[in-house]
Amino acid sequence: MTVRPTTARVVVLAILMALAGCGGVGTQGSTGGYVSGNGSITVVDPEERKKAPVLSGDDLEGRPLSTADHAGDTLVINVWGSWCPPCRKEAPALAEVANQYADRDVTFVGVLVRDKPAAALAFTRKYETPYRSISDFSGRNLLGFSDSLPSQAIPTTWIIDDRGRVAVRIMDEVSASTLAGLIDDVKKSTQKEKAQ
């Protein structure tokens, strides 16, 4: 798929509008103020996958974090906010799968949007999140997906294969079994490529 400059601008504008439409920083008890997904899962064949953006910024404790430091791993990128009800529902599943795959060259990185650091840190402690998150209040990192599989939904989860290509996009909360199965499928697809 070729993205023309005008198309890319429309996609970027749509993402920014969606993030702005989140209504600011929510609270733990909020049930609104977010753009939810439709539950769709998009899986891209290896030969059609596009390069993933490098995501970078400070984590919730102000330390630098970049996906470039995990080149060669399968990456699971999850967009979330502590104010987002589906994010709260899927947090235990993400933690479970992150722990399950910790020694299998799979790295999880969260992308926190439109949230206060204190609320986000409380969220990660409550759900025992075993991975770090980039604080991306402006949505700058998410714009990098406009050339591959953009999303306006929160939560959204992308799986990046070990060659640095966007392989899967999940728009809405994900279960542990679904996420684990998709990670396995992505890993198998790149192993098959290497064997050919």
Protein backbone atom coordinates (compact mmCIF):
# COMPACT_ATOMS: atom_id res chain seq x y z
CA MET A 1 0.00 0.00 0.00
CA THR A 2 1.42 3.38 -0.96
CA VAL A 3 0.56 6.21 1.38
CA ARG A 4 0.41 9.57 -0.35
CA PRO A 5 1.38 12.64 1.65
CA THR A 6 -2.23 13.86 1.72
CA THR A 7 -3.45 10.48 2.96
CA ALA A 8 -0.77 10.42 5.66
CA ARG A 9 -1.83 13.89 6.81
CA VAL A 10 -5.45 12.77 7.07
CA VAL A 11 -4.43 9.71 9.11
CA VAL A 12 -2.25 11.82 11.40
CA LEU A 13 -5.02 14.36 11.85
CA ALA A 14 -7.52 11.59 12.65
CA ILE A 15 -5.20 10.14 15.30
CA LEU A 16 -4.63 13.53 16.88
CA MET A 17 -8.35 14.26 16.91
CA ALA A 18 -9.07 10.90 18.52
CA LEU A 19 -6.49 11.49 21.21
CA ALA A 20 -7.76 15.01 21.79
CA GLY A 21 -11.27 13.58 21.97
CA CYS A 22 -10.27 11.50 24.93
CA GLY A 23 -11.41 14.47 26.99
CA GLY A 24 -8.26 15.05 28.96
CA VAL A 25 -7.01 13.10 31.89
CA GLY A 26 -9.61 10.78 33.32
CA THR A 27 -9.83 9.11 36.69
CA GLN A 28 -9.76 5.52 37.84
CA GLY A 29 -13.56 5.44 38.12
CA SER A 30 -14.26 7.04 34.75
CA THR A 31 -16.34 5.11 32.25
CA GLY A 32 -16.09 7.59 29.40
CA GLY A 33 -13.72 9.94 27.69
CA TYR A 34 -11.99 7.43 25.44
CA VAL A 35 -12.31 6.09 21.91
CA SER A 36 -12.84 2.36 22.17
CA GLY A 37 -11.99 -0.10 19.45
CA ASN A 38 -14.31 -2.46 17.66
CA GLY A 39 -12.45 -5.56 18.79
CA SER A 40 -10.94 -6.15 15.36
CA ILE A 41 -7.68 -8.02 14.95
CA THR A 42 -5.63 -7.36 11.83
CA VAL A 43 -2.93 -9.90 10.97
CA VAL A 44 -0.49 -9.02 8.19
CA ASP A 45 1.26 -11.67 6.08
CA PRO A 46 5.07 -11.48 6.42
CA GLU A 47 5.62 -10.32 2.83
CA GLU A 48 3.19 -7.41 3.31
CA ARG A 49 4.42 -6.15 6.69
CA LYS A 50 5.68 -2.57 6.98
CA LYS A 51 8.53 -1.34 9.12
CA ALA A 52 7.50 -0.42 12.64
CA PRO A 53 8.37 2.98 14.06
CA VAL A 54 11.00 3.32 16.75
CA LEU A 55 9.16 4.40 19.89
CA SER A 56 11.09 6.41 22.42
CA GLY A 57 10.67 8.74 25.37
CA ASP A 58 10.82 8.74 29.14
CA ASP A 59 9.23 5.99 31.16
CA LEU A 60 6.92 6.67 34.10
CA GLU A 61 9.90 7.29 36.37
CA GLY A 62 11.63 9.66 33.95
CA ARG A 63 14.19 7.17 32.60
CA PRO A 64 14.81 6.95 28.83
CA LEU A 65 13.18 4.05 27.01
CA SER A 66 13.40 3.10 23.33
CA THR A 67 12.19 0.11 21.34
CA ALA A 68 15.48 0.35 19.41
CA ASP A 69 17.15 -1.17 22.48
CA HIS A 70 15.15 -4.35 21.86
CA ALA A 71 15.91 -4.89 18.17
CA GLY A 72 15.68 -8.57 17.30
CA ASP A 73 12.96 -9.26 19.86
CA THR A 74 9.29 -9.69 19.12
CA LEU A 75 7.70 -6.54 20.55
CA VAL A 76 4.26 -6.16 22.06
CA ILE A 77 3.25 -2.49 22.17
CA ASN A 78 0.18 -1.62 24.23
CA VAL A 79 -1.46 1.83 24.24
CA TRP A 80 -3.22 2.53 27.52
CA GLY A 81 -4.35 5.02 30.13
CA SER A 82 -5.33 4.42 33.75
CA TRP A 83 -8.63 6.24 33.06
CA CYS A 84 -9.63 3.76 30.32
CA PRO A 85 -12.04 0.98 31.49
CA PRO A 86 -10.96 -1.60 28.84
CA CYS A 87 -7.32 -0.92 29.78
CA ARG A 88 -8.10 -1.83 33.36
CA LYS A 89 -9.90 -4.99 32.22
CA GLU A 90 -7.02 -6.20 30.03
CA ALA A 91 -4.16 -5.26 32.41
CA PRO A 92 -4.07 -8.66 34.18
CA ALA A 93 -3.96 -10.48 30.83
CA LEU A 94 -1.08 -8.32 29.57
CA ALA A 95 0.87 -8.88 32.80
CA GLU A 96 0.25 -12.64 32.61
CA VAL A 97 1.48 -12.93 29.02
CA ALA A 98 4.44 -10.60 29.60
CA ASN A 99 5.58 -12.85 32.47
CA GLN A 100 4.90 -15.99 30.42
CA TYR A 101 7.09 -14.79 27.52
CA ALA A 102 9.78 -12.99 29.54
CA ASP A 103 12.47 -15.53 28.61
CA ARG A 104 11.35 -16.05 25.00
CA ASP A 105 12.77 -12.92 23.30
CA VAL A 106 9.45 -11.10 23.60
CA THR A 107 9.53 -7.56 25.00
CA PHE A 108 6.44 -5.66 26.13
CA VAL A 109 6.38 -1.86 26.05
CA GLY A 110 3.44 0.25 27.13
CA VAL A 111 2.59 3.61 25.59
CA LEU A 112 0.79 5.79 28.11
CA VAL A 113 -1.47 8.46 26.61
CA ARG A 114 -3.23 11.43 28.21
CA ASP A 115 -2.59 10.45 31.78
CA LYS A 116 -0.89 11.79 34.89
CA PRO A 117 2.31 9.98 35.91
CA ALA A 118 1.09 9.45 39.49
CA ALA A 119 -2.15 7.79 38.32
CA ALA A 120 -0.22 5.68 35.80
CA LEU A 121 2.32 4.52 38.40
CA ALA A 122 -0.50 3.57 40.77
CA PHE A 123 -2.11 1.60 37.92
CA THR A 124 1.09 -0.34 37.13
CA ARG A 125 1.61 -1.17 40.80
CA LYS A 126 -1.99 -2.29 41.27
CA TYR A 127 -1.86 -4.62 38.27
CA GLU A 128 1.78 -5.64 38.86
CA THR A 129 2.73 -4.64 35.33
CA PRO A 130 6.12 -6.30 34.68
CA TYR A 131 7.21 -3.98 31.86
CA ARG A 132 7.90 -0.29 31.36
CA SER A 133 5.80 2.30 29.56
CA ILE A 134 6.72 5.35 27.53
CA SER A 135 4.85 8.44 28.63
CA ASP A 136 3.42 9.82 25.36
CA PHE A 137 0.92 12.49 26.39
CA SER A 138 1.11 14.18 22.96
CA GLY A 139 0.61 10.96 20.96
CA ARG A 140 3.85 11.57 19.02
CA ASN A 141 4.92 7.92 19.14
CA LEU A 142 1.55 6.68 17.90
CA LEU A 143 1.87 8.78 14.75
CA GLY A 144 4.67 6.46 13.68
CA PHE A 145 2.12 3.76 12.91
CA SER A 146 0.36 5.94 10.30
CA ASP A 147 2.33 4.23 7.51
CA SER A 148 1.46 0.70 8.62
CA LEU A 149 -1.54 0.02 10.87
CA PRO A 150 -2.75 3.24 12.53
CA SER A 151 -5.27 3.19 15.33
CA GLN A 152 -7.47 5.71 17.09
CA ALA A 153 -8.62 3.26 19.74
CA ILE A 154 -7.45 3.01 23.31
CA PRO A 155 -6.43 0.36 24.13
CA THR A 156 -4.62 -0.81 21.02
CA THR A 157 -1.97 -3.52 20.97
CA TRP A 158 0.53 -4.05 18.17
CA ILE A 159 2.82 -7.03 17.74
CA ILE A 160 6.08 -6.24 15.95
CA ASP A 161 7.97 -9.22 14.54
CA ASP A 162 11.64 -9.84 15.27
CA ARG A 163 12.56 -8.18 11.97
CA GLY A 164 11.00 -4.92 13.12
CA ARG A 165 7.80 -5.10 11.06
CA VAL A 166 4.21 -4.51 12.17
CA ALA A 167 2.55 -7.92 12.15
CA VAL A 168 -0.66 -7.55 14.20
CA ARG A 169 -2.98 -4.81 15.46
CA ILE A 170 -5.64 -5.46 18.11
CA MET A 171 -8.14 -2.62 18.57
CA ASP A 172 -9.70 -3.04 22.03
CA GLU A 173 -8.95 -5.15 25.07
CA VAL A 174 -7.29 -8.50 24.47
CA SER A 175 -7.44 -11.76 26.42
CA ALA A 176 -4.33 -13.62 27.55
CA SER A 177 -5.06 -16.64 25.34
CA THR A 178 -5.66 -14.53 22.23
CA LEU A 179 -2.51 -12.47 22.77
CA ALA A 180 -0.35 -15.53 23.45
CA GLY A 181 -1.68 -17.25 20.33
CA LEU A 182 -0.97 -14.21 18.17
CA ILE A 183 2.58 -13.88 19.55
CA ASP A 184 3.20 -17.56 18.78
CA ASP A 185 1.86 -17.12 15.24
CA VAL A 186 4.08 -14.10 14.61
CA LYS A 187 7.16 -15.91 15.92
CA LYS A 188 6.39 -18.96 13.76
CA SER A 189 5.90 -16.81 10.67
CA THR A 190 9.37 -15.27 10.94
CA GLN A 191 10.97 -18.64 11.74
CA LYS A 192 9.40 -19.99 8.55
CA GLU A 193 10.82 -17.04 6.58
CA LYS A 194 14.30 -17.65 7.97
CA ALA A 195 14.10 -21.34 7.04
CA GLN A 196 13.29 -20.59 3.38
